[in-house]
Amino acid sequence: MSDPLDTVFAALADPTRRSILTMLLEDDMAVTDVAEPFDMSLAAISKHLMILTRAGLIAQEKRGRVKWCKLQPDAMRSASVWMQGFGQFEPVNLDAFERFLETELGSPTADPTSE
């Protein structure tokens, strides 16, 4: 993927990678600590970490013999700016919409054959 925004969204598309990012919100973590809660091999976690690193969402560094992961929150800026373009639309209030329909169309519980 050549577009950085595509790379970020592709990385965020996976629930395991989103969980890893959530874990890293707390603090930097060793790769082995990142892997601990998941039921997958260290190699599989390393692939997820590489995708997050390529997307710029995390940084990895070696401290002594241990590889550490650190969240890079600025990398989500372009995705956030892109998504804010959709913020102009108000969320739909379904309760108000239902009341509007009841007013306009009559009570949905009314049996039309009872009249």
PDB file of N, CA and C in Angstrom:
ATOM      1  N   MET A   1       0.844  -1.177   0.000  1.00  0.00           N
ATOM      2  CA  MET A   1       0.000   0.000   0.000  1.00  0.00           C
ATOM      3  C   MET A   1       0.884   1.234   0.000  1.00  0.00           C
ATOM      4  N   SER A   2       0.635   2.107  -0.945  1.00  0.00           N
ATOM      5  CA  SER A   2       1.476   3.291  -1.051  1.00  0.00           C
ATOM      6  C   SER A   2       0.908   4.476  -0.268  1.00  0.00           C
ATOM      7  N   ASP A   3      -0.397   4.549  -0.094  1.00  0.00           N
ATOM      8  CA  ASP A   3      -1.008   5.648   0.636  1.00  0.00           C
ATOM      9  C   ASP A   3      -0.897   5.382   2.137  1.00  0.00           C
ATOM     10  N   PRO A   4      -0.270   6.291   2.889  1.00  0.00           N
ATOM     11  CA  PRO A   4      -0.132   6.074   4.332  1.00  0.00           C
ATOM     12  C   PRO A   4      -1.474   5.905   5.048  1.00  0.00           C
ATOM     13  N   LEU A   5      -2.501   6.603   4.580  1.00  0.00           N
ATOM     14  CA  LEU A   5      -3.819   6.473   5.192  1.00  0.00           C
ATOM     15  C   LEU A   5      -4.365   5.058   5.008  1.00  0.00           C
ATOM     16  N   ASP A   6      -4.160   4.483   3.815  1.00  0.00           N
ATOM     17  CA  ASP A   6      -4.586   3.096   3.582  1.00  0.00           C
ATOM     18  C   ASP A   6      -3.854   2.142   4.516  1.00  0.00           C
ATOM     19  N   THR A   7      -2.571   2.391   4.720  1.00  0.00           N
ATOM     20  CA  THR A   7      -1.771   1.527   5.588  1.00  0.00           C
ATOM     21  C   THR A   7      -2.263   1.600   7.029  1.00  0.00           C
ATOM     22  N   VAL A   8      -2.593   2.809   7.492  1.00  0.00           N
ATOM     23  CA  VAL A   8      -3.099   2.968   8.863  1.00  0.00           C
ATOM     24  C   VAL A   8      -4.429   2.254   9.025  1.00  0.00           C
ATOM     25  N   PHE A   9      -5.362   2.468   8.088  1.00  0.00           N
ATOM     26  CA  PHE A   9      -6.668   1.819   8.207  1.00  0.00           C
ATOM     27  C   PHE A   9      -6.560   0.296   8.076  1.00  0.00           C
ATOM     28  N   ALA A  10      -5.676  -0.189   7.233  1.00  0.00           N
ATOM     29  CA  ALA A  10      -5.474  -1.639   7.121  1.00  0.00           C
ATOM     30  C   ALA A  10      -4.955  -2.203   8.436  1.00  0.00           C
ATOM     31  N   ALA A  11      -4.052  -1.484   9.083  1.00  0.00           N
ATOM     32  CA  ALA A  11      -3.525  -1.939  10.371  1.00  0.00           C
ATOM     33  C   ALA A  11      -4.616  -1.925  11.439  1.00  0.00           C
ATOM     34  N   LEU A  12      -5.472  -0.911  11.406  1.00  0.00           N
ATOM     35  CA  LEU A  12      -6.538  -0.801  12.402  1.00  0.00           C
ATOM     36  C   LEU A  12      -7.699  -1.762  12.148  1.00  0.00           C
ATOM     37  N   ALA A  13      -7.731  -2.371  10.979  1.00  0.00           N
ATOM     38  CA  ALA A  13      -8.844  -3.251  10.620  1.00  0.00           C
ATOM     39  C   ALA A  13      -8.854  -4.552  11.416  1.00  0.00           C
ATOM     40  N   ASP A  14      -7.726  -4.909  11.991  1.00  0.00           N
ATOM     41  CA  ASP A  14      -7.630  -6.189  12.692  1.00  0.00           C
ATOM     42  C   ASP A  14      -7.876  -6.012  14.191  1.00  0.00           C
ATOM     43  N   PRO A  15      -8.773  -6.813  14.786  1.00  0.00           N
ATOM     44  CA  PRO A  15      -9.072  -6.658  16.219  1.00  0.00           C
ATOM     45  C   PRO A  15      -7.875  -6.935  17.131  1.00  0.00           C
ATOM     46  N   THR A  16      -6.998  -7.845  16.732  1.00  0.00           N
ATOM     47  CA  THR A  16      -5.803  -8.111  17.551  1.00  0.00           C
ATOM     48  C   THR A  16      -4.923  -6.879  17.591  1.00  0.00           C
ATOM     49  N   ARG A  17      -4.733  -6.239  16.456  1.00  0.00           N
ATOM     50  CA  ARG A  17      -3.890  -5.043  16.420  1.00  0.00           C
ATOM     51  C   ARG A  17      -4.528  -3.890  17.190  1.00  0.00           C
ATOM     52  N   ARG A  18      -5.852  -3.768  17.120  1.00  0.00           N
ATOM     53  CA  ARG A  18      -6.518  -2.734  17.915  1.00  0.00           C
ATOM     54  C   ARG A  18      -6.346  -3.010  19.407  1.00  0.00           C
ATOM     55  N   SER A  19      -6.403  -4.262  19.800  1.00  0.00           N
ATOM     56  CA  SER A  19      -6.180  -4.626  21.212  1.00  0.00           C
ATOM     57  C   SER A  19      -4.766  -4.285  21.648  1.00  0.00           C
ATOM     58  N   ILE A  20      -3.813  -4.542  20.781  1.00  0.00           N
ATOM     59  CA  ILE A  20      -2.414  -4.215  21.092  1.00  0.00           C
ATOM     60  C   ILE A  20      -2.275  -2.710  21.301  1.00  0.00           C
ATOM     61  N   LEU A  21      -2.870  -1.915  20.436  1.00  0.00           N
ATOM     62  CA  LEU A  21      -2.797  -0.460  20.584  1.00  0.00           C
ATOM     63  C   LEU A  21      -3.424  -0.013  21.900  1.00  0.00           C
ATOM     64  N   THR A  22      -4.529  -0.627  22.271  1.00  0.00           N
ATOM     65  CA  THR A  22      -5.179  -0.300  23.538  1.00  0.00           C
ATOM     66  C   THR A  22      -4.265  -0.618  24.715  1.00  0.00           C
ATOM     67  N   MET A  23      -3.584  -1.759  24.643  1.00  0.00           N
ATOM     68  CA  MET A  23      -2.646  -2.128  25.702  1.00  0.00           C
ATOM     69  C   MET A  23      -1.514  -1.103  25.810  1.00  0.00           C
ATOM     70  N   LEU A  24      -1.063  -0.611  24.675  1.00  0.00           N
ATOM     71  CA  LEU A  24       0.063   0.320  24.664  1.00  0.00           C
ATOM     72  C   LEU A  24      -0.335   1.733  25.086  1.00  0.00           C
ATOM     73  N   LEU A  25      -1.632   1.996  25.224  1.00  0.00           N
ATOM     74  CA  LEU A  25      -2.072   3.288  25.743  1.00  0.00           C
ATOM     75  C   LEU A  25      -1.566   3.489  27.170  1.00  0.00           C
ATOM     76  N   GLU A  26      -1.463   2.391  27.912  1.00  0.00           N
ATOM     77  CA  GLU A  26      -1.039   2.453  29.313  1.00  0.00           C
ATOM     78  C   GLU A  26       0.433   2.819  29.452  1.00  0.00           C
ATOM     79  N   ASP A  27       1.293   2.116  28.693  1.00  0.00           N
ATOM     80  CA  ASP A  27       2.731   2.311  28.829  1.00  0.00           C
ATOM     81  C   ASP A  27       3.442   1.500  27.755  1.00  0.00           C
ATOM     82  N   ASP A  28       4.732   1.734  27.605  1.00  0.00           N
ATOM     83  CA  ASP A  28       5.550   0.904  26.718  1.00  0.00           C
ATOM     84  C   ASP A  28       5.521  -0.523  27.253  1.00  0.00           C
ATOM     85  N   MET A  29       5.628  -1.485  26.342  1.00  0.00           N
ATOM     86  CA  MET A  29       5.599  -2.885  26.763  1.00  0.00           C
ATOM     87  C   MET A  29       6.630  -3.690  25.998  1.00  0.00           C
ATOM     88  N   ALA A  30       7.188  -4.678  26.669  1.00  0.00           N
ATOM     89  CA  ALA A  30       8.061  -5.631  26.009  1.00  0.00           C
ATOM     90  C   ALA A  30       7.207  -6.506  25.088  1.00  0.00           C
ATOM     91  N   VAL A  31       7.786  -6.948  24.001  1.00  0.00           N
ATOM     92  CA  VAL A  31       7.051  -7.778  23.036  1.00  0.00           C
ATOM     93  C   VAL A  31       6.462  -9.015  23.724  1.00  0.00           C
ATOM     94  N   THR A  32       7.206  -9.623  24.614  1.00  0.00           N
ATOM     95  CA  THR A  32       6.698 -10.826  25.299  1.00  0.00           C
ATOM     96  C   THR A  32       5.480 -10.491  26.159  1.00  0.00           C
ATOM     97  N   ASP A  33       5.449  -9.285  26.742  1.00  0.00           N
ATOM     98  CA  ASP A  33       4.290  -8.869  27.530  1.00  0.00           C
ATOM     99  C   ASP A  33       3.090  -8.568  26.637  1.00  0.00           C
ATOM    100  N   VAL A  34       3.361  -8.015  25.469  1.00  0.00           N
ATOM    101  CA  VAL A  34       2.288  -7.769  24.504  1.00  0.00           C
ATOM    102  C   VAL A  34       1.659  -9.095  24.093  1.00  0.00           C
ATOM    103  N   ALA A  35       2.480 -10.100  23.888  1.00  0.00           N
ATOM    104  CA  ALA A  35       2.008 -11.398  23.398  1.00  0.00           C
ATOM    105  C   ALA A  35       1.228 -12.186  24.446  1.00  0.00           C
ATOM    106  N   GLU A  36       1.510 -11.945  25.713  1.00  0.00           N
ATOM    107  CA  GLU A  36       0.968 -12.773  26.796  1.00  0.00           C
ATOM    108  C   GLU A  36      -0.537 -13.007  26.772  1.00  0.00           C
ATOM    109  N   PRO A  37      -1.380 -11.978  26.611  1.00  0.00           N
ATOM    110  CA  PRO A  37      -2.827 -12.234  26.681  1.00  0.00           C
ATOM    111  C   PRO A  37      -3.437 -12.917  25.455  1.00  0.00           C
ATOM    112  N   PHE A  38      -2.659 -13.074  24.400  1.00  0.00           N
ATOM    113  CA  PHE A  38      -3.208 -13.619  23.154  1.00  0.00           C
ATOM    114  C   PHE A  38      -2.900 -15.106  23.027  1.00  0.00           C
ATOM    115  N   ASP A  39      -3.847 -15.813  22.444  1.00  0.00           N
ATOM    116  CA  ASP A  39      -3.680 -17.242  22.220  1.00  0.00           C
ATOM    117  C   ASP A  39      -3.099 -17.456  20.822  1.00  0.00           C
ATOM    118  N   MET A  40      -1.865 -16.987  20.654  1.00  0.00           N
ATOM    119  CA  MET A  40      -1.172 -17.166  19.379  1.00  0.00           C
ATOM    120  C   MET A  40       0.326 -17.162  19.647  1.00  0.00           C
ATOM    121  N   SER A  41       1.065 -17.589  18.664  1.00  0.00           N
ATOM    122  CA  SER A  41       2.516 -17.698  18.825  1.00  0.00           C
ATOM    123  C   SER A  41       3.169 -16.318  18.866  1.00  0.00           C
ATOM    124  N   LEU A  42       4.375 -16.287  19.397  1.00  0.00           N
ATOM    125  CA  LEU A  42       5.155 -15.053  19.421  1.00  0.00           C
ATOM    126  C   LEU A  42       5.433 -14.578  17.991  1.00  0.00           C
ATOM    127  N   ALA A  43       5.621 -15.519  17.076  1.00  0.00           N
ATOM    128  CA  ALA A  43       5.845 -15.170  15.672  1.00  0.00           C
ATOM    129  C   ALA A  43       4.618 -14.456  15.087  1.00  0.00           C
ATOM    130  N   ALA A  44       3.427 -14.914  15.439  1.00  0.00           N
ATOM    131  CA  ALA A  44       2.199 -14.284  14.943  1.00  0.00           C
ATOM    132  C   ALA A  44       2.059 -12.869  15.509  1.00  0.00           C
ATOM    133  N   ILE A  45       2.359 -12.711  16.793  1.00  0.00           N
ATOM    134  CA  ILE A  45       2.310 -11.385  17.405  1.00  0.00           C
ATOM    135  C   ILE A  45       3.340 -10.472  16.751  1.00  0.00           C
ATOM    136  N   SER A  46       4.511 -11.008  16.460  1.00  0.00           N
ATOM    137  CA  SER A  46       5.558 -10.213  15.814  1.00  0.00           C
ATOM    138  C   SER A  46       5.104  -9.698  14.453  1.00  0.00           C
ATOM    139  N   LYS A  47       4.333 -10.514  13.727  1.00  0.00           N
ATOM    140  CA  LYS A  47       3.799 -10.053  12.434  1.00  0.00           C
ATOM    141  C   LYS A  47       2.826  -8.900  12.629  1.00  0.00           C
ATOM    142  N   HIS A  48       1.962  -9.016  13.645  1.00  0.00           N
ATOM    143  CA  HIS A  48       1.028  -7.922  13.944  1.00  0.00           C
ATOM    144  C   HIS A  48       1.800  -6.654  14.311  1.00  0.00           C
ATOM    145  N   LEU A  49       2.842  -6.811  15.114  1.00  0.00           N
ATOM    146  CA  LEU A  49       3.645  -5.660  15.525  1.00  0.00           C
ATOM    147  C   LEU A  49       4.351  -5.020  14.333  1.00  0.00           C
ATOM    148  N   MET A  50       4.792  -5.832  13.398  1.00  0.00           N
ATOM    149  CA  MET A  50       5.455  -5.300  12.208  1.00  0.00           C
ATOM    150  C   MET A  50       4.476  -4.478  11.369  1.00  0.00           C
ATOM    151  N   ILE A  51       3.250  -4.940  11.246  1.00  0.00           N
ATOM    152  CA  ILE A  51       2.231  -4.195  10.498  1.00  0.00           C
ATOM    153  C   ILE A  51       1.950  -2.860  11.179  1.00  0.00           C
ATOM    154  N   LEU A  52       1.845  -2.869  12.507  1.00  0.00           N
ATOM    155  CA  LEU A  52       1.626  -1.632  13.250  1.00  0.00           C
ATOM    156  C   LEU A  52       2.816  -0.681  13.110  1.00  0.00           C
ATOM    157  N   THR A  53       4.020  -1.246  13.089  1.00  0.00           N
ATOM    158  CA  THR A  53       5.231  -0.435  12.929  1.00  0.00           C
ATOM    159  C   THR A  53       5.281   0.184  11.544  1.00  0.00           C
ATOM    160  N   ARG A  54       4.996  -0.606  10.509  1.00  0.00           N
ATOM    161  CA  ARG A  54       5.004  -0.078   9.136  1.00  0.00           C
ATOM    162  C   ARG A  54       3.970   1.017   8.945  1.00  0.00           C
ATOM    163  N   ALA A  55       2.856   0.909   9.676  1.00  0.00           N
ATOM    164  CA  ALA A  55       1.810   1.934   9.588  1.00  0.00           C
ATOM    165  C   ALA A  55       2.187   3.173  10.406  1.00  0.00           C
ATOM    166  N   GLY A  56       3.263   3.073  11.177  1.00  0.00           N
ATOM    167  CA  GLY A  56       3.701   4.195  11.998  1.00  0.00           C
ATOM    168  C   GLY A  56       2.932   4.341  13.293  1.00  0.00           C
ATOM    169  N   LEU A  57       2.112   3.347  13.623  1.00  0.00           N
ATOM    170  CA  LEU A  57       1.279   3.420  14.820  1.00  0.00           C
ATOM    171  C   LEU A  57       2.056   3.086  16.090  1.00  0.00           C
ATOM    172  N   ILE A  58       3.121   2.300  15.951  1.00  0.00           N
ATOM    173  CA  ILE A  58       3.985   1.999  17.091  1.00  0.00           C
ATOM    174  C   ILE A  58       5.441   2.107  16.644  1.00  0.00           C
ATOM    175  N   ALA A  59       6.313   2.211  17.617  1.00  0.00           N
ATOM    176  CA  ALA A  59       7.753   2.136  17.369  1.00  0.00           C
ATOM    177  C   ALA A  59       8.270   0.975  18.203  1.00  0.00           C
ATOM    178  N   GLN A  60       9.290   0.314  17.681  1.00  0.00           N
ATOM    179  CA  GLN A  60       9.928  -0.771  18.424  1.00  0.00           C
ATOM    180  C   GLN A  60      11.397  -0.411  18.610  1.00  0.00           C
ATOM    181  N   GLU A  61      11.897  -0.714  19.795  1.00  0.00           N
ATOM    182  CA  GLU A  61      13.310  -0.472  20.051  1.00  0.00           C
ATOM    183  C   GLU A  61      13.849  -1.556  20.962  1.00  0.00           C
ATOM    184  N   LYS A  62      15.107  -1.820  20.784  1.00  0.00           N
ATOM    185  CA  LYS A  62      15.764  -2.832  21.593  1.00  0.00           C
ATOM    186  C   LYS A  62      16.412  -2.142  22.791  1.00  0.00           C
ATOM    187  N   ARG A  63      16.072  -2.609  23.977  1.00  0.00           N
ATOM    188  CA  ARG A  63      16.678  -2.123  25.217  1.00  0.00           C
ATOM    189  C   ARG A  63      17.355  -3.318  25.874  1.00  0.00           C
ATOM    190  N   GLY A  64      18.651  -3.364  25.723  1.00  0.00           N
ATOM    191  CA  GLY A  64      19.368  -4.554  26.199  1.00  0.00           C
ATOM    192  C   GLY A  64      19.002  -5.732  25.319  1.00  0.00           C
ATOM    193  N   ARG A  65      18.498  -6.779  25.942  1.00  0.00           N
ATOM    194  CA  ARG A  65      18.115  -7.978  25.194  1.00  0.00           C
ATOM    195  C   ARG A  65      16.614  -8.021  24.894  1.00  0.00           C
ATOM    196  N   VAL A  66      15.898  -7.000  25.308  1.00  0.00           N
ATOM    197  CA  VAL A  66      14.439  -7.010  25.201  1.00  0.00           C
ATOM    198  C   VAL A  66      13.982  -5.992  24.159  1.00  0.00           C
ATOM    199  N   LYS A  67      13.049  -6.415  23.326  1.00  0.00           N
ATOM    200  CA  LYS A  67      12.452  -5.519  22.324  1.00  0.00           C
ATOM    201  C   LYS A  67      11.184  -4.908  22.923  1.00  0.00           C
ATOM    202  N   TRP A  68      11.102  -3.582  22.887  1.00  0.00           N
ATOM    203  CA  TRP A  68       9.984  -2.853  23.475  1.00  0.00           C
ATOM    204  C   TRP A  68       9.137  -2.209  22.387  1.00  0.00           C
ATOM    205  N   CYS A  69       7.857  -2.044  22.697  1.00  0.00           N
ATOM    206  CA  CYS A  69       6.910  -1.398  21.794  1.00  0.00           C
ATOM    207  C   CYS A  69       6.384  -0.138  22.465  1.00  0.00           C
ATOM    208  N   LYS A  70       6.245   0.915  21.659  1.00  0.00           N
ATOM    209  CA  LYS A  70       5.764   2.188  22.166  1.00  0.00           C
ATOM    210  C   LYS A  70       4.743   2.748  21.190  1.00  0.00           C
ATOM    211  N   LEU A  71       3.640   3.224  21.717  1.00  0.00           N
ATOM    212  CA  LEU A  71       2.588   3.824  20.899  1.00  0.00           C
ATOM    213  C   LEU A  71       3.086   5.129  20.285  1.00  0.00           C
ATOM    214  N   GLN A  72       2.743   5.359  19.027  1.00  0.00           N
ATOM    215  CA  GLN A  72       3.071   6.594  18.312  1.00  0.00           C
ATOM    216  C   GLN A  72       1.750   7.279  17.949  1.00  0.00           C
ATOM    217  N   PRO A  73       1.134   8.004  18.872  1.00  0.00           N
ATOM    218  CA  PRO A  73      -0.212   8.537  18.629  1.00  0.00           C
ATOM    219  C   PRO A  73      -0.299   9.527  17.483  1.00  0.00           C
ATOM    220  N   ASP A  74       0.785  10.215  17.153  1.00  0.00           N
ATOM    221  CA  ASP A  74       0.733  11.176  16.042  1.00  0.00           C
ATOM    222  C   ASP A  74       0.443  10.503  14.708  1.00  0.00           C
ATOM    223  N   ALA A  75       0.732   9.224  14.610  1.00  0.00           N
ATOM    224  CA  ALA A  75       0.508   8.508  13.356  1.00  0.00           C
ATOM    225  C   ALA A  75      -0.972   8.407  13.013  1.00  0.00           C
ATOM    226  N   MET A  76      -1.834   8.521  14.008  1.00  0.00           N
ATOM    227  CA  MET A  76      -3.274   8.436  13.742  1.00  0.00           C
ATOM    228  C   MET A  76      -3.855   9.780  13.327  1.00  0.00           C
ATOM    229  N   ARG A  77      -3.038  10.809  13.319  1.00  0.00           N
ATOM    230  CA  ARG A  77      -3.529  12.151  13.003  1.00  0.00           C
ATOM    231  C   ARG A  77      -4.192  12.206  11.628  1.00  0.00           C
ATOM    232  N   SER A  78      -3.544  11.647  10.608  1.00  0.00           N
ATOM    233  CA  SER A  78      -4.124  11.722   9.258  1.00  0.00           C
ATOM    234  C   SER A  78      -5.458  10.977   9.198  1.00  0.00           C
ATOM    235  N   ALA A  79      -5.538   9.829   9.893  1.00  0.00           N
ATOM    236  CA  ALA A  79      -6.801   9.085   9.923  1.00  0.00           C
ATOM    237  C   ALA A  79      -7.868   9.879  10.670  1.00  0.00           C
ATOM    238  N   SER A  80      -7.473  10.508  11.751  1.00  0.00           N
ATOM    239  CA  SER A  80      -8.409  11.308  12.540  1.00  0.00           C
ATOM    240  C   SER A  80      -8.921  12.501  11.743  1.00  0.00           C
ATOM    241  N   VAL A  81      -8.034  13.184  11.041  1.00  0.00           N
ATOM    242  CA  VAL A  81      -8.425  14.332  10.220  1.00  0.00           C
ATOM    243  C   VAL A  81      -9.392  13.878   9.130  1.00  0.00           C
ATOM    244  N   TRP A  82      -9.094  12.735   8.513  1.00  0.00           N
ATOM    245  CA  TRP A  82      -9.967  12.218   7.455  1.00  0.00           C
ATOM    246  C   TRP A  82     -11.356  11.899   8.022  1.00  0.00           C
ATOM    247  N   MET A  83     -11.399  11.257   9.196  1.00  0.00           N
ATOM    248  CA  MET A  83     -12.686  10.877   9.792  1.00  0.00           C
ATOM    249  C   MET A  83     -13.468  12.093  10.272  1.00  0.00           C
ATOM    250  N   GLN A  84     -12.778  13.146  10.682  1.00  0.00           N
ATOM    251  CA  GLN A  84     -13.472  14.347  11.141  1.00  0.00           C
ATOM    252  C   GLN A  84     -14.284  14.987  10.022  1.00  0.00           C
ATOM    253  N   GLY A  85     -13.926  14.703   8.790  1.00  0.00           N
ATOM    254  CA  GLY A  85     -14.704  15.197   7.661  1.00  0.00           C
ATOM    255  C   GLY A  85     -16.123  14.665   7.670  1.00  0.00           C
ATOM    256  N   PHE A  86     -16.332  13.555   8.355  1.00  0.00           N
ATOM    257  CA  PHE A  86     -17.668  12.969   8.439  1.00  0.00           C
ATOM    258  C   PHE A  86     -18.410  13.437   9.684  1.00  0.00           C
ATOM    259  N   GLY A  87     -17.749  14.240  10.514  1.00  0.00           N
ATOM    260  CA  GLY A  87     -18.356  14.723  11.740  1.00  0.00           C
ATOM    261  C   GLY A  87     -19.463  15.730  11.522  1.00  0.00           C
ATOM    262  N   GLN A  88     -19.610  16.185  10.294  1.00  0.00           N
ATOM    263  CA  GLN A  88     -20.658  17.166  10.003  1.00  0.00           C
ATOM    264  C   GLN A  88     -22.054  16.557  10.091  1.00  0.00           C
ATOM    265  N   PHE A  89     -22.129  15.236  10.082  1.00  0.00           N
ATOM    266  CA  PHE A  89     -23.411  14.569  10.144  1.00  0.00           C
ATOM    267  C   PHE A  89     -23.745  14.238  11.595  1.00  0.00           C
ATOM    268  N   GLU A  90     -24.915  14.656  12.014  1.00  0.00           N
ATOM    269  CA  GLU A  90     -25.345  14.376  13.383  1.00  0.00           C
ATOM    270  C   GLU A  90     -25.760  12.914  13.504  1.00  0.00           C
ATOM    271  N   PRO A  91     -25.475  12.292  14.639  1.00  0.00           N
ATOM    272  CA  PRO A  91     -25.952  10.922  14.833  1.00  0.00           C
ATOM    273  C   PRO A  91     -27.482  10.920  14.887  1.00  0.00           C
ATOM    274  N   VAL A  92     -28.052   9.852  14.415  1.00  0.00           N
ATOM    275  CA  VAL A  92     -29.504   9.743  14.366  1.00  0.00           C
ATOM    276  C   VAL A  92     -30.021   9.380  15.751  1.00  0.00           C
ATOM    277  N   ASN A  93     -30.991  10.132  16.233  1.00  0.00           N
ATOM    278  CA  ASN A  93     -31.659   9.826  17.492  1.00  0.00           C
ATOM    279  C   ASN A  93     -32.843   8.928  17.139  1.00  0.00           C
ATOM    280  N   LEU A  94     -32.667   7.633  17.328  1.00  0.00           N
ATOM    281  CA  LEU A  94     -33.683   6.673  16.890  1.00  0.00           C
ATOM    282  C   LEU A  94     -34.981   6.807  17.673  1.00  0.00           C
ATOM    283  N   ASP A  95     -34.908   7.170  18.951  1.00  0.00           N
ATOM    284  CA  ASP A  95     -36.135   7.352  19.733  1.00  0.00           C
ATOM    285  C   ASP A  95     -36.962   8.513  19.176  1.00  0.00           C
ATOM    286  N   ALA A  96     -36.288   9.620  18.873  1.00  0.00           N
ATOM    287  CA  ALA A  96     -36.999  10.772  18.311  1.00  0.00           C
ATOM    288  C   ALA A  96     -37.566  10.430  16.934  1.00  0.00           C
ATOM    289  N   PHE A  97     -36.810   9.674  16.158  1.00  0.00           N
ATOM    290  CA  PHE A  97     -37.271   9.275  14.837  1.00  0.00           C
ATOM    291  C   PHE A  97     -38.507   8.379  14.951  1.00  0.00           C
ATOM    292  N   GLU A  98     -38.489   7.473  15.925  1.00  0.00           N
ATOM    293  CA  GLU A  98     -39.644   6.591  16.136  1.00  0.00           C
ATOM    294  C   GLU A  98     -40.871   7.411  16.549  1.00  0.00           C
ATOM    295  N   ARG A  99     -40.690   8.391  17.436  1.00  0.00           N
ATOM    296  CA  ARG A  99     -41.813   9.244  17.840  1.00  0.00           C
ATOM    297  C   ARG A  99     -42.356  10.035  16.651  1.00  0.00           C
ATOM    298  N   PHE A 100     -41.459  10.518  15.805  1.00  0.00           N
ATOM    299  CA  PHE A 100     -41.879  11.241  14.605  1.00  0.00           C
ATOM    300  C   PHE A 100     -42.726  10.333  13.710  1.00  0.00           C
ATOM    301  N   LEU A 101     -42.266   9.113  13.495  1.00  0.00           N
ATOM    302  CA  LEU A 101     -43.021   8.187  12.642  1.00  0.00           C
ATOM    303  C   LEU A 101     -44.369   7.847  13.240  1.00  0.00           C
ATOM    304  N   GLU A 102     -44.415   7.668  14.552  1.00  0.00           N
ATOM    305  CA  GLU A 102     -45.700   7.386  15.201  1.00  0.00           C
ATOM    306  C   GLU A 102     -46.674   8.549  15.021  1.00  0.00           C
ATOM    307  N   THR A 103     -46.155   9.766  15.134  1.00  0.00           N
ATOM    308  CA  THR A 103     -46.989  10.955  14.964  1.00  0.00           C
ATOM    309  C   THR A 103     -47.499  11.058  13.528  1.00  0.00           C
ATOM    310  N   GLU A 104     -46.608  10.834  12.590  1.00  0.00           N
ATOM    311  CA  GLU A 104     -46.955  10.985  11.178  1.00  0.00           C
ATOM    312  C   GLU A 104     -47.784   9.821  10.635  1.00  0.00           C
ATOM    313  N   LEU A 105     -47.446   8.615  11.087  1.00  0.00           N
ATOM    314  CA  LEU A 105     -48.094   7.434  10.506  1.00  0.00           C
ATOM    315  C   LEU A 105     -49.112   6.780  11.423  1.00  0.00           C
ATOM    316  N   GLY A 106     -49.206   7.227  12.653  1.00  0.00           N
ATOM    317  CA  GLY A 106     -50.101   6.605  13.615  1.00  0.00           C
ATOM    318  C   GLY A 106     -49.335   5.600  14.454  1.00  0.00           C
ATOM    319  N   SER A 107     -49.954   5.094  15.471  1.00  0.00           N
ATOM    320  CA  SER A 107     -49.316   4.173  16.415  1.00  0.00           C
ATOM    321  C   SER A 107     -48.978   2.862  15.724  1.00  0.00           C
ATOM    322  N   PRO A 108     -47.736   2.375  15.855  1.00  0.00           N
ATOM    323  CA  PRO A 108     -47.376   1.111  15.194  1.00  0.00           C
ATOM    324  C   PRO A 108     -48.031  -0.095  15.851  1.00  0.00           C
ATOM    325  N   THR A 109     -48.564   0.093  17.075  1.00  0.00           N
ATOM    326  CA  THR A 109     -49.193  -1.037  17.751  1.00  0.00           C
ATOM    327  C   THR A 109     -50.665  -1.128  17.419  1.00  0.00           C
ATOM    328  N   ALA A 110     -51.210  -0.121  16.766  1.00  0.00           N
ATOM    329  CA  ALA A 110     -52.626  -0.137  16.417  1.00  0.00           C
ATOM    330  C   ALA A 110     -52.876  -1.208  15.352  1.00  0.00           C
ATOM    331  N   ASP A 111     -53.927  -1.990  15.541  1.00  0.00           N
ATOM    332  CA  ASP A 111     -54.289  -3.030  14.593  1.00  0.00           C
ATOM    333  C   ASP A 111     -55.204  -2.431  13.554  1.00  0.00           C
ATOM    334  N   PRO A 112     -54.751  -2.343  12.279  1.00  0.00           N
ATOM    335  CA  PRO A 112     -55.557  -1.703  11.244  1.00  0.00           C
ATOM    336  C   PRO A 112     -56.851  -2.448  10.950  1.00  0.00           C
ATOM    337  N   THR A 113     -56.974  -3.704  11.343  1.00  0.00           N
ATOM    338  CA  THR A 113     -58.192  -4.467  11.065  1.00  0.00           C
ATOM    339  C   THR A 113     -59.230  -4.286  12.156  1.00  0.00           C
ATOM    340  N   SER A 114     -58.893  -3.583  13.248  1.00  0.00           N
ATOM    341  CA  SER A 114     -59.832  -3.455  14.344  1.00  0.00           C
ATOM    342  C   SER A 114     -60.834  -2.317  14.122  1.00  0.00           C
ATOM    343  N   GLU A 115     -60.669  -1.535  13.082  1.00  0.00           N
ATOM    344  CA  GLU A 115     -61.597  -0.430  12.822  1.00  0.00           C
ATOM    345  C   GLU A 115     -62.693  -0.816  11.925  1.00  0.00           C
TER     346      GLU A 115
END
